[in-house]
Amino acid sequence: MGTWTILAVLLCACIAGAGGAFGREAVVIEIPNSETAGICGFRAMWDAPVATADDGVRRILDDVIKDRGGSAPWNSEERDGGAKPAALAFDAIHRSLLVRFPAAADQIAEQLRKGFRIQKAELVLPYADTELWPWGNTNWAPPEGGYLYRANWGVDKDCRAVPPTWHAAAWALRKPWKSDAATGPTWNAWINGAGYWARFGAQDEQADRFPSRFGPAPVAVVAGLREAVLVPARRGIHPATLCRHGEGRARRLAVRRQGRRINLHRVG
């Protein structure tokens, strides 16, 4: 669970010089203002928009630890019928978090008009906490929008003593969306009741999302700040495409970042 998200874009200005040389300067734009929404694969929530926020609803379920590890219920019954936002959270099975940056296009376009080109884009997801127990229960009758899990035979002690290691992965969506309690995105639709994903959960790579994947990136601890930094690491068109304009044929440059290969294309 995170408290906010940042889009960091590195732009590079390339100016052709004598003999085909390039002079370069770099500009980094950080766009901290994001809009988020949740889509949930629990059958009872397939058609339920989930508005999310930094101060979204959380519930402490553990019998021992009371100052952290709260659960993040997304079902409307735990959020005053949906009047309160849900917490910023996602998991590996049913809950996906959508993130967009409404101000990003204008800020990036301003730099592009000055002759800059996008060299790299990173989605930064600061890490705030982990659910010790997911929303749900152990009595074989979990609430709608909740998990059935086990906490006996020492499982509870292990969960408290050994924090899990999480990874995050992301995809760029092909469909527009806006967080809204009535018309926001759902597991079934990118506009609730009006525009539907080709495959539930925005999983179709031809119609719903681009095939290039950001991550998976482990949650890292850097100078006391826990965060997951997602960069594209798959083949295809992605924000890590570098376009440098000059003479010569297009050629592929390969670099390594954190042990994963990112292809950068030079076009000329």
Foldseek 3Di string as FASTA:
>chain_A
DFQWKKKKWKWWFWDQDPPRDTDIDIDIDIQTDKFKWKAWDQPVFQQFTAGEHNPADWADDDPPDDPAQTAWFRDCVRVVNRPTHTYPDADDPTMDMDMDGVPVVVVVVVVVVVRIDTQWMKMKGWDDHHHLAYQFEQPVCTDRRTDHDDDPPCNSVCSVPPPDKDWDKDFAWPDDAHRDRQQPDYQFARGRPPGGAPHGNQPDCVHTTPPFMWDRFIFDQDPNITITMTTTQDDDDDSNETEDDDDDAKDWDWDDDPRGIDIYIYHD
